[in-house]
Amino acid sequence: MTPRSDVRAVVSLLLCMPAFLWTADLVFATPPLILAAASAPAALLTALILFAQRGERRPYRALGFALLWGAVGAACLATIGNEYALAHVADLAGYDARSVTSLLVAPALEEVAKALGLVVLSCLLPHRCAVRATASSTVL
């Protein structure tokens, strides 16, 4: 690894640290059966994608980043955004604020958070493979 890639790796880890800590807190507070049921579909889908494309050269760092971002980073950002939106929607919707937030605001926030991961992925990877890696990670 070059010094520049070492710096990028350290900066990436530092930026992700709050999300990792938040996720660790949730993981340790969640019963194992629920945790397994929530993780199994993503793990199965990942295994199927890698199996189906086993002959192709894959950007594994990009795939790993996309998986971690979807599981940790995007979930953390979406949760924070949903709580913020809930406080503001409560003024408009009154007692039904949680339902309005869940139906209208949450899906948009979650998708924007996932798309932000692709933007970060495109910025972190060298230019020559950023487009291919981002397109490959979009499947996930």
Foldseek 3Di string as FASTA:
>chain_A
DDPVLVVVVVVVCVVQVVLVVVVVVVVVVDDPVVVCVVVVVVVVVVVVLCVVCVVDDAPVVLQVLLVCQLVTVLVVQLVVVLVVQLVVQCVVVPPCSNVCSVPPPSVVSSVVSSVVSLVVQLVSDPPVCSVVSSVSNVVD
